[in-house]
PDB file of N, CA and C in Angstrom:
ATOM      1  N   MET A   1       2.983  36.265  -3.085  1.00  0.00           N
ATOM      2  CA  MET A   1       1.607  35.834  -2.896  1.00  0.00           C
ATOM      3  C   MET A   1       0.992  35.399  -4.229  1.00  0.00           C
ATOM      4  N   ALA A   2       1.292  36.117  -5.293  1.00  0.00           N
ATOM      5  CA  ALA A   2       0.736  35.770  -6.597  1.00  0.00           C
ATOM      6  C   ALA A   2       1.283  34.423  -7.071  1.00  0.00           C
ATOM      7  N   PHE A   3       2.572  34.187  -6.887  1.00  0.00           N
ATOM      8  CA  PHE A   3       3.171  32.918  -7.289  1.00  0.00           C
ATOM      9  C   PHE A   3       2.543  31.773  -6.502  1.00  0.00           C
ATOM     10  N   TRP A   4       2.413  31.938  -5.188  1.00  0.00           N
ATOM     11  CA  TRP A   4       1.813  30.905  -4.352  1.00  0.00           C
ATOM     12  C   TRP A   4       0.384  30.620  -4.799  1.00  0.00           C
ATOM     13  N   SER A   5      -0.361  31.651  -5.109  1.00  0.00           N
ATOM     14  CA  SER A   5      -1.747  31.484  -5.512  1.00  0.00           C
ATOM     15  C   SER A   5      -1.860  30.650  -6.790  1.00  0.00           C
ATOM     16  N   VAL A   6      -1.015  30.935  -7.764  1.00  0.00           N
ATOM     17  CA  VAL A   6      -1.035  30.183  -9.018  1.00  0.00           C
ATOM     18  C   VAL A   6      -0.622  28.729  -8.766  1.00  0.00           C
ATOM     19  N   MET A   7       0.417  28.513  -7.986  1.00  0.00           N
ATOM     20  CA  MET A   7       0.881  27.157  -7.719  1.00  0.00           C
ATOM     21  C   MET A   7      -0.161  26.363  -6.934  1.00  0.00           C
ATOM     22  N   TRP A   8      -0.783  27.005  -5.956  1.00  0.00           N
ATOM     23  CA  TRP A   8      -1.823  26.324  -5.170  1.00  0.00           C
ATOM     24  C   TRP A   8      -3.000  25.942  -6.069  1.00  0.00           C
ATOM     25  N   SER A   9      -3.473  26.875  -6.861  1.00  0.00           N
ATOM     26  CA  SER A   9      -4.619  26.602  -7.739  1.00  0.00           C
ATOM     27  C   SER A   9      -4.309  25.479  -8.713  1.00  0.00           C
ATOM     28  N   THR A  10      -3.126  25.492  -9.299  1.00  0.00           N
ATOM     29  CA  THR A  10      -2.729  24.433 -10.231  1.00  0.00           C
ATOM     30  C   THR A  10      -2.658  23.086  -9.523  1.00  0.00           C
ATOM     31  N   SER A  11      -2.078  23.057  -8.340  1.00  0.00           N
ATOM     32  CA  SER A  11      -1.967  21.796  -7.596  1.00  0.00           C
ATOM     33  C   SER A  11      -3.335  21.250  -7.227  1.00  0.00           C
ATOM     34  N   VAL A  12      -4.214  22.110  -6.755  1.00  0.00           N
ATOM     35  CA  VAL A  12      -5.556  21.653  -6.383  1.00  0.00           C
ATOM     36  C   VAL A  12      -6.288  21.113  -7.605  1.00  0.00           C
ATOM     37  N   GLN A  13      -6.205  21.811  -8.699  1.00  0.00           N
ATOM     38  CA  GLN A  13      -6.934  21.395  -9.892  1.00  0.00           C
ATOM     39  C   GLN A  13      -6.384  20.103 -10.483  1.00  0.00           C
ATOM     40  N   THR A  14      -5.105  19.815 -10.287  1.00  0.00           N
ATOM     41  CA  THR A  14      -4.523  18.606 -10.871  1.00  0.00           C
ATOM     42  C   THR A  14      -4.427  17.447  -9.883  1.00  0.00           C
ATOM     43  N   GLN A  15      -4.519  17.704  -8.577  1.00  0.00           N
ATOM     44  CA  GLN A  15      -4.301  16.656  -7.583  1.00  0.00           C
ATOM     45  C   GLN A  15      -5.551  16.243  -6.816  1.00  0.00           C
ATOM     46  N   VAL A  16      -6.565  17.064  -6.821  1.00  0.00           N
ATOM     47  CA  VAL A  16      -7.757  16.809  -6.009  1.00  0.00           C
ATOM     48  C   VAL A  16      -8.890  16.328  -6.919  1.00  0.00           C
ATOM     49  N   ALA A  17      -9.617  15.335  -6.438  1.00  0.00           N
ATOM     50  CA  ALA A  17     -10.741  14.806  -7.211  1.00  0.00           C
ATOM     51  C   ALA A  17     -11.760  15.919  -7.474  1.00  0.00           C
ATOM     52  N   PRO A  18     -12.330  15.962  -8.675  1.00  0.00           N
ATOM     53  CA  PRO A  18     -13.241  17.047  -9.044  1.00  0.00           C
ATOM     54  C   PRO A  18     -14.441  17.220  -8.110  1.00  0.00           C
ATOM     55  N   ASP A  19     -14.909  16.130  -7.504  1.00  0.00           N
ATOM     56  CA  ASP A  19     -16.090  16.255  -6.653  1.00  0.00           C
ATOM     57  C   ASP A  19     -15.808  16.904  -5.297  1.00  0.00           C
ATOM     58  N   VAL A  20     -14.540  17.106  -4.928  1.00  0.00           N
ATOM     59  CA  VAL A  20     -14.228  17.756  -3.647  1.00  0.00           C
ATOM     60  C   VAL A  20     -13.385  19.021  -3.795  1.00  0.00           C
ATOM     61  N   VAL A  21     -13.160  19.464  -5.030  1.00  0.00           N
ATOM     62  CA  VAL A  21     -12.336  20.656  -5.251  1.00  0.00           C
ATOM     63  C   VAL A  21     -12.924  21.876  -4.539  1.00  0.00           C
ATOM     64  N   ASN A  22     -14.236  22.062  -4.618  1.00  0.00           N
ATOM     65  CA  ASN A  22     -14.848  23.232  -3.975  1.00  0.00           C
ATOM     66  C   ASN A  22     -14.656  23.204  -2.464  1.00  0.00           C
ATOM     67  N   ARG A  23     -14.762  22.028  -1.862  1.00  0.00           N
ATOM     68  CA  ARG A  23     -14.581  21.919  -0.415  1.00  0.00           C
ATOM     69  C   ARG A  23     -13.133  22.251  -0.027  1.00  0.00           C
ATOM     70  N   VAL A  24     -12.178  21.746  -0.788  1.00  0.00           N
ATOM     71  CA  VAL A  24     -10.768  22.029  -0.518  1.00  0.00           C
ATOM     72  C   VAL A  24     -10.510  23.528  -0.632  1.00  0.00           C
ATOM     73  N   ASN A  25     -11.038  24.165  -1.671  1.00  0.00           N
ATOM     74  CA  ASN A  25     -10.865  25.608  -1.834  1.00  0.00           C
ATOM     75  C   ASN A  25     -11.515  26.380  -0.691  1.00  0.00           C
ATOM     76  N   ALA A  26     -12.671  25.930  -0.228  1.00  0.00           N
ATOM     77  CA  ALA A  26     -13.343  26.613   0.886  1.00  0.00           C
ATOM     78  C   ALA A  26     -12.497  26.546   2.150  1.00  0.00           C
ATOM     79  N   TYR A  27     -11.929  25.371   2.441  1.00  0.00           N
ATOM     80  CA  TYR A  27     -11.065  25.248   3.618  1.00  0.00           C
ATOM     81  C   TYR A  27      -9.820  26.123   3.479  1.00  0.00           C
ATOM     82  N   GLN A  28      -9.259  26.177   2.281  1.00  0.00           N
ATOM     83  CA  GLN A  28      -8.069  26.993   2.050  1.00  0.00           C
ATOM     84  C   GLN A  28      -8.371  28.469   2.269  1.00  0.00           C
ATOM     85  N   VAL A  29      -9.487  28.940   1.735  1.00  0.00           N
ATOM     86  CA  VAL A  29      -9.855  30.350   1.905  1.00  0.00           C
ATOM     87  C   VAL A  29     -10.108  30.662   3.372  1.00  0.00           C
ATOM     88  N   ALA A  30     -10.831  29.782   4.067  1.00  0.00           N
ATOM     89  CA  ALA A  30     -11.101  30.007   5.494  1.00  0.00           C
ATOM     90  C   ALA A  30      -9.800  30.056   6.292  1.00  0.00           C
ATOM     91  N   GLY A  31      -8.892  29.134   6.005  1.00  0.00           N
ATOM     92  CA  GLY A  31      -7.614  29.125   6.717  1.00  0.00           C
ATOM     93  C   GLY A  31      -6.769  30.351   6.413  1.00  0.00           C
ATOM     94  N   SER A  32      -6.759  30.761   5.156  1.00  0.00           N
ATOM     95  CA  SER A  32      -5.975  31.938   4.773  1.00  0.00           C
ATOM     96  C   SER A  32      -6.524  33.210   5.400  1.00  0.00           C
ATOM     97  N   VAL A  33      -7.833  33.357   5.376  1.00  0.00           N
ATOM     98  CA  VAL A  33      -8.442  34.557   5.964  1.00  0.00           C
ATOM     99  C   VAL A  33      -8.170  34.603   7.469  1.00  0.00           C
ATOM    100  N   ALA A  34      -8.337  33.470   8.135  1.00  0.00           N
ATOM    101  CA  ALA A  34      -8.083  33.419   9.573  1.00  0.00           C
ATOM    102  C   ALA A  34      -6.602  33.681   9.870  1.00  0.00           C
ATOM    103  N   GLY A  35      -5.726  33.076   9.072  1.00  0.00           N
ATOM    104  CA  GLY A  35      -4.291  33.271   9.283  1.00  0.00           C
ATOM    105  C   GLY A  35      -3.862  34.708   9.077  1.00  0.00           C
ATOM    106  N   MET A  36      -4.398  35.346   8.044  1.00  0.00           N
ATOM    107  CA  MET A  36      -4.046  36.749   7.803  1.00  0.00           C
ATOM    108  C   MET A  36      -4.557  37.642   8.929  1.00  0.00           C
ATOM    109  N   ALA A  37      -5.754  37.353   9.421  1.00  0.00           N
ATOM    110  CA  ALA A  37      -6.295  38.158  10.520  1.00  0.00           C
ATOM    111  C   ALA A  37      -5.437  38.022  11.776  1.00  0.00           C
ATOM    112  N   VAL A  38      -5.029  36.810  12.083  1.00  0.00           N
ATOM    113  CA  VAL A  38      -4.175  36.590  13.258  1.00  0.00           C
ATOM    114  C   VAL A  38      -2.826  37.289  13.061  1.00  0.00           C
ATOM    115  N   GLY A  39      -2.257  37.146  11.876  1.00  0.00           N
ATOM    116  CA  GLY A  39      -0.977  37.799  11.593  1.00  0.00           C
ATOM    117  C   GLY A  39      -1.052  39.308  11.708  1.00  0.00           C
ATOM    118  N   GLN A  40      -2.110  39.891  11.184  1.00  0.00           N
ATOM    119  CA  GLN A  40      -2.262  41.339  11.277  1.00  0.00           C
ATOM    120  C   GLN A  40      -2.501  41.785  12.712  1.00  0.00           C
ATOM    121  N   ALA A  41      -3.232  40.994  13.481  1.00  0.00           N
ATOM    122  CA  ALA A  41      -3.485  41.341  14.882  1.00  0.00           C
ATOM    123  C   ALA A  41      -2.203  41.270  15.706  1.00  0.00           C
ATOM    124  N   LEU A  42      -1.328  40.345  15.385  1.00  0.00           N
ATOM    125  CA  LEU A  42      -0.085  40.184  16.146  1.00  0.00           C
ATOM    126  C   LEU A  42       1.040  41.104  15.669  1.00  0.00           C
ATOM    127  N   ALA A  43       0.994  41.531  14.426  1.00  0.00           N
ATOM    128  CA  ALA A  43       2.080  42.334  13.867  1.00  0.00           C
ATOM    129  C   ALA A  43       2.258  43.658  14.603  1.00  0.00           C
ATOM    130  N   GLY A  44       1.183  44.315  14.942  1.00  0.00           N
ATOM    131  CA  GLY A  44       1.286  45.600  15.635  1.00  0.00           C
ATOM    132  C   GLY A  44       1.966  45.494  16.989  1.00  0.00           C
ATOM    133  N   PRO A  45       1.459  44.635  17.877  1.00  0.00           N
ATOM    134  CA  PRO A  45       2.107  44.494  19.180  1.00  0.00           C
ATOM    135  C   PRO A  45       3.563  44.021  19.088  1.00  0.00           C
ATOM    136  N   VAL A  46       3.855  43.111  18.182  1.00  0.00           N
ATOM    137  CA  VAL A  46       5.234  42.627  18.044  1.00  0.00           C
ATOM    138  C   VAL A  46       6.127  43.753  17.533  1.00  0.00           C
ATOM    139  N   ALA A  47       5.630  44.561  16.608  1.00  0.00           N
ATOM    140  CA  ALA A  47       6.424  45.660  16.055  1.00  0.00           C
ATOM    141  C   ALA A  47       6.741  46.713  17.107  1.00  0.00           C
ATOM    142  N   THR A  48       5.897  46.850  18.140  1.00  0.00           N
ATOM    143  CA  THR A  48       6.210  47.808  19.204  1.00  0.00           C
ATOM    144  C   THR A  48       7.288  47.266  20.139  1.00  0.00           C
ATOM    145  N   LEU A  49       7.439  45.950  20.182  1.00  0.00           N
ATOM    146  CA  LEU A  49       8.433  45.337  21.066  1.00  0.00           C
ATOM    147  C   LEU A  49       9.768  45.102  20.378  1.00  0.00           C
ATOM    148  N   VAL A  50       9.744  44.977  19.062  1.00  0.00           N
ATOM    149  CA  VAL A  50      10.941  44.639  18.298  1.00  0.00           C
ATOM    150  C   VAL A  50      11.176  45.715  17.258  1.00  0.00           C
ATOM    151  N   GLU A  51      12.440  46.009  17.006  1.00  0.00           N
ATOM    152  CA  GLU A  51      12.783  46.984  15.972  1.00  0.00           C
ATOM    153  C   GLU A  51      12.241  46.501  14.622  1.00  0.00           C
ATOM    154  N   PRO A  52      11.632  47.389  13.831  1.00  0.00           N
ATOM    155  CA  PRO A  52      11.026  46.968  12.554  1.00  0.00           C
ATOM    156  C   PRO A  52      11.992  46.234  11.625  1.00  0.00           C
ATOM    157  N   ARG A  53      13.232  46.681  11.570  1.00  0.00           N
ATOM    158  CA  ARG A  53      14.211  46.008  10.694  1.00  0.00           C
ATOM    159  C   ARG A  53      14.442  44.567  11.149  1.00  0.00           C
ATOM    160  N   ALA A  54      14.582  44.362  12.442  1.00  0.00           N
ATOM    161  CA  ALA A  54      14.770  43.006  12.975  1.00  0.00           C
ATOM    162  C   ALA A  54      13.513  42.167  12.752  1.00  0.00           C
ATOM    163  N   PHE A  55      12.360  42.789  12.912  1.00  0.00           N
ATOM    164  CA  PHE A  55      11.087  42.094  12.699  1.00  0.00           C
ATOM    165  C   PHE A  55      10.992  41.577  11.266  1.00  0.00           C
ATOM    166  N   MET A  56      11.334  42.413  10.305  1.00  0.00           N
ATOM    167  CA  MET A  56      11.282  42.015   8.897  1.00  0.00           C
ATOM    168  C   MET A  56      12.326  40.942   8.592  1.00  0.00           C
ATOM    169  N   LEU A  57      13.515  41.065   9.187  1.00  0.00           N
ATOM    170  CA  LEU A  57      14.564  40.077   8.972  1.00  0.00           C
ATOM    171  C   LEU A  57      14.140  38.714   9.518  1.00  0.00           C
ATOM    172  N   VAL A  58      13.598  38.689  10.716  1.00  0.00           N
ATOM    173  CA  VAL A  58      13.126  37.433  11.303  1.00  0.00           C
ATOM    174  C   VAL A  58      11.989  36.856  10.451  1.00  0.00           C
ATOM    175  N   SER A  59      11.089  37.701   9.980  1.00  0.00           N
ATOM    176  CA  SER A  59       9.995  37.234   9.123  1.00  0.00           C
ATOM    177  C   SER A  59      10.526  36.593   7.850  1.00  0.00           C
ATOM    178  N   ALA A  60      11.531  37.205   7.235  1.00  0.00           N
ATOM    179  CA  ALA A  60      12.124  36.658   6.015  1.00  0.00           C
ATOM    180  C   ALA A  60      12.817  35.331   6.290  1.00  0.00           C
ATOM    181  N   VAL A  61      13.519  35.236   7.412  1.00  0.00           N
ATOM    182  CA  VAL A  61      14.215  33.987   7.764  1.00  0.00           C
ATOM    183  C   VAL A  61      13.206  32.873   8.035  1.00  0.00           C
ATOM    184  N   VAL A  62      12.124  33.193   8.746  1.00  0.00           N
ATOM    185  CA  VAL A  62      11.089  32.188   9.018  1.00  0.00           C
ATOM    186  C   VAL A  62      10.448  31.732   7.708  1.00  0.00           C
ATOM    187  N   THR A  63      10.155  32.652   6.811  1.00  0.00           N
ATOM    188  CA  THR A  63       9.567  32.306   5.522  1.00  0.00           C
ATOM    189  C   THR A  63      10.502  31.389   4.734  1.00  0.00           C
ATOM    190  N   ALA A  64      11.776  31.731   4.674  1.00  0.00           N
ATOM    191  CA  ALA A  64      12.747  30.895   3.959  1.00  0.00           C
ATOM    192  C   ALA A  64      12.854  29.522   4.619  1.00  0.00           C
ATOM    193  N   GLY A  65      12.805  29.478   5.931  1.00  0.00           N
ATOM    194  CA  GLY A  65      12.864  28.205   6.647  1.00  0.00           C
ATOM    195  C   GLY A  65      11.673  27.314   6.352  1.00  0.00           C
ATOM    196  N   VAL A  66      10.491  27.904   6.299  1.00  0.00           N
ATOM    197  CA  VAL A  66       9.290  27.126   5.990  1.00  0.00           C
ATOM    198  C   VAL A  66       9.354  26.589   4.560  1.00  0.00           C
ATOM    199  N   VAL A  67       9.787  27.421   3.624  1.00  0.00           N
ATOM    200  CA  VAL A  67       9.917  26.971   2.231  1.00  0.00           C
ATOM    201  C   VAL A  67      10.933  25.834   2.144  1.00  0.00           C
ATOM    202  N   ALA A  68      12.078  25.978   2.817  1.00  0.00           N
ATOM    203  CA  ALA A  68      13.096  24.923   2.804  1.00  0.00           C
ATOM    204  C   ALA A  68      12.548  23.633   3.418  1.00  0.00           C
ATOM    205  N   ALA A  69      11.815  23.753   4.523  1.00  0.00           N
ATOM    206  CA  ALA A  69      11.246  22.567   5.170  1.00  0.00           C
ATOM    207  C   ALA A  69      10.262  21.860   4.239  1.00  0.00           C
ATOM    208  N   LEU A  70       9.443  22.619   3.532  1.00  0.00           N
ATOM    209  CA  LEU A  70       8.503  22.008   2.588  1.00  0.00           C
ATOM    210  C   LEU A  70       9.229  21.306   1.451  1.00  0.00           C
ATOM    211  N   LEU A  71      10.311  21.911   0.983  1.00  0.00           N
ATOM    212  CA  LEU A  71      11.050  21.310  -0.123  1.00  0.00           C
ATOM    213  C   LEU A  71      11.846  20.083   0.305  1.00  0.00           C
ATOM    214  N   LEU A  72      12.030  19.883   1.594  1.00  0.00           N
ATOM    215  CA  LEU A  72      12.697  18.677   2.084  1.00  0.00           C
ATOM    216  C   LEU A  72      11.772  17.459   2.056  1.00  0.00           C
ATOM    217  N   ILE A  73      10.491  17.679   1.882  1.00  0.00           N
ATOM    218  CA  ILE A  73       9.518  16.592   1.850  1.00  0.00           C
ATOM    219  C   ILE A  73       9.469  16.035   0.431  1.00  0.00           C
ATOM    220  N   LYS A  74       9.845  14.746   0.267  1.00  0.00           N
ATOM    221  CA  LYS A  74       9.922  14.153  -1.075  1.00  0.00           C
ATOM    222  C   LYS A  74       8.631  14.261  -1.873  1.00  0.00           C
ATOM    223  N   PRO A  75       7.458  13.944  -1.293  1.00  0.00           N
ATOM    224  CA  PRO A  75       6.235  14.057  -2.107  1.00  0.00           C
ATOM    225  C   PRO A  75       5.969  15.475  -2.608  1.00  0.00           C
ATOM    226  N   VAL A  76       6.414  16.474  -1.889  1.00  0.00           N
ATOM    227  CA  VAL A  76       6.242  17.855  -2.349  1.00  0.00           C
ATOM    228  C   VAL A  76       7.177  18.127  -3.519  1.00  0.00           C
ATOM    229  N   ARG A  77       8.419  17.695  -3.397  1.00  0.00           N
ATOM    230  CA  ARG A  77       9.385  17.915  -4.477  1.00  0.00           C
ATOM    231  C   ARG A  77       9.018  17.163  -5.746  1.00  0.00           C
ATOM    232  N   ARG A  78       8.432  15.981  -5.598  1.00  0.00           N
ATOM    233  CA  ARG A  78       8.148  15.124  -6.749  1.00  0.00           C
ATOM    234  C   ARG A  78       6.691  15.192  -7.196  1.00  0.00           C
ATOM    235  N   LEU A  79       5.998  16.214  -6.803  1.00  0.00           N
ATOM    236  CA  LEU A  79       4.591  16.345  -7.150  1.00  0.00           C
ATOM    237  C   LEU A  79       4.438  16.445  -8.661  1.00  0.00           C
ATOM    238  N   GLY A  80       3.713  15.504  -9.229  1.00  0.00           N
ATOM    239  CA  GLY A  80       3.500  15.478 -10.678  1.00  0.00           C
ATOM    240  C   GLY A  80       2.225  16.208 -11.046  1.00  0.00           C
ATOM    241  N   ARG A  81       1.943  16.229 -12.319  1.00  0.00           N
ATOM    242  CA  ARG A  81       0.748  16.941 -12.787  1.00  0.00           C
ATOM    243  C   ARG A  81      -0.530  16.191 -12.482  1.00  0.00           C
ATOM    244  N   ASP A  82      -0.555  14.877 -12.711  1.00  0.00           N
ATOM    245  CA  ASP A  82      -1.805  14.152 -12.562  1.00  0.00           C
ATOM    246  C   ASP A  82      -1.537  12.714 -12.109  1.00  0.00           C
ATOM    247  N   PRO A  83      -1.545  12.457 -10.813  1.00  0.00           N
ATOM    248  CA  PRO A  83      -1.200  11.123 -10.327  1.00  0.00           C
ATOM    249  C   PRO A  83      -2.201  10.045 -10.733  1.00  0.00           C
ATOM    250  N   LEU A  84      -3.471  10.377 -10.944  1.00  0.00           N
ATOM    251  CA  LEU A  84      -4.459   9.373 -11.321  1.00  0.00           C
ATOM    252  C   LEU A  84      -4.207   8.846 -12.729  1.00  0.00           C
ATOM    253  N   GLU A  85      -3.849   9.724 -13.647  1.00  0.00           N
ATOM    254  CA  GLU A  85      -3.552   9.275 -15.004  1.00  0.00           C
ATOM    255  C   GLU A  85      -2.259   8.475 -15.033  1.00  0.00           C
ATOM    256  N   ALA A  86      -1.292   8.833 -14.197  1.00  0.00           N
ATOM    257  CA  ALA A  86      -0.036   8.091 -14.130  1.00  0.00           C
ATOM    258  C   ALA A  86      -0.276   6.682 -13.598  1.00  0.00           C
ATOM    259  N   ALA A  87      -1.289   6.511 -12.756  1.00  0.00           N
ATOM    260  CA  ALA A  87      -1.612   5.200 -12.203  1.00  0.00           C
ATOM    261  C   ALA A  87      -2.533   4.400 -13.119  1.00  0.00           C
ATOM    262  N   GLY A  88      -2.841   4.925 -14.302  1.00  0.00           N
ATOM    263  CA  GLY A  88      -3.686   4.210 -15.242  1.00  0.00           C
ATOM    264  C   GLY A  88      -5.165   4.501 -15.083  1.00  0.00           C
ATOM    265  N   GLN A  89      -5.511   5.425 -14.208  1.00  0.00           N
ATOM    266  CA  GLN A  89      -6.903   5.808 -14.022  1.00  0.00           C
ATOM    267  C   GLN A  89      -7.125   7.133 -14.732  1.00  0.00           C
ATOM    268  N   SER A  90      -8.330   7.378 -15.131  1.00  0.00           N
ATOM    269  CA  SER A  90      -8.625   8.661 -15.780  1.00  0.00           C
ATOM    270  C   SER A  90      -9.692   9.396 -14.986  1.00  0.00           C
ATOM    271  N   ILE A  91      -9.640  10.691 -15.081  1.00  0.00           N
ATOM    272  CA  ILE A  91     -10.637  11.531 -14.426  1.00  0.00           C
ATOM    273  C   ILE A  91     -11.588  12.013 -15.505  1.00  0.00           C
ATOM    274  N   SER A  92     -12.845  11.767 -15.314  1.00  0.00           N
ATOM    275  CA  SER A  92     -13.820  12.272 -16.281  1.00  0.00           C
ATOM    276  C   SER A  92     -14.448  13.533 -15.727  1.00  0.00           C
ATOM    277  N   VAL A  93     -14.349  14.589 -16.492  1.00  0.00           N
ATOM    278  CA  VAL A  93     -14.895  15.874 -16.107  1.00  0.00           C
ATOM    279  C   VAL A  93     -16.105  16.141 -16.978  1.00  0.00           C
ATOM    280  N   PRO A  94     -17.270  16.385 -16.383  1.00  0.00           N
ATOM    281  CA  PRO A  94     -18.462  16.665 -17.192  1.00  0.00           C
ATOM    282  C   PRO A  94     -18.231  17.887 -18.082  1.00  0.00           C
ATOM    283  N   ALA A  95     -18.768  17.829 -19.294  1.00  0.00           N
ATOM    284  CA  ALA A  95     -18.591  18.928 -20.245  1.00  0.00           C
ATOM    285  C   ALA A  95     -19.198  20.223 -19.692  1.00  0.00           C
ATOM    286  N   SER A  96     -20.235  20.135 -18.875  1.00  0.00           N
ATOM    287  CA  SER A  96     -20.865  21.346 -18.352  1.00  0.00           C
ATOM    288  C   SER A  96     -19.951  22.097 -17.395  1.00  0.00           C
ATOM    289  N   SER A  97     -18.978  21.411 -16.774  1.00  0.00           N
ATOM    290  CA  SER A  97     -18.088  22.101 -15.850  1.00  0.00           C
ATOM    291  C   SER A  97     -16.934  22.795 -16.565  1.00  0.00           C
ATOM    292  N   LEU A  98     -16.793  22.580 -17.850  1.00  0.00           N
ATOM    293  CA  LEU A  98     -15.704  23.202 -18.604  1.00  0.00           C
ATOM    294  C   LEU A  98     -16.089  24.563 -19.138  1.00  0.00           C
ATOM    295  N   THR A  99     -17.341  24.941 -19.044  1.00  0.00           N
ATOM    296  CA  THR A  99     -17.754  26.236 -19.586  1.00  0.00           C
ATOM    297  C   THR A  99     -17.789  27.277 -18.508  1.00  0.00           C
TER     298      THR A  99
END
């Protein structure tokens, strides 16, 4: 979770225009909170139906599968630090937002 958080924050800060960064972060937080709540609500009933060891194994396999699927997407694999600067455009950040 910590690794994902750092990678997500870095990607948002380098890939999203400064005027919409807060909106993107708000959607991410809302989605994460909702997703965690759904996962926690479903984990109990599923754990009563499935042996805990099998449940954890399936969870690990699904997680690895999702990571592999994401890495199969070329734009994800080739994500650079700053696509606007690479295209010859620059992002101007007001000095007041740096403090």
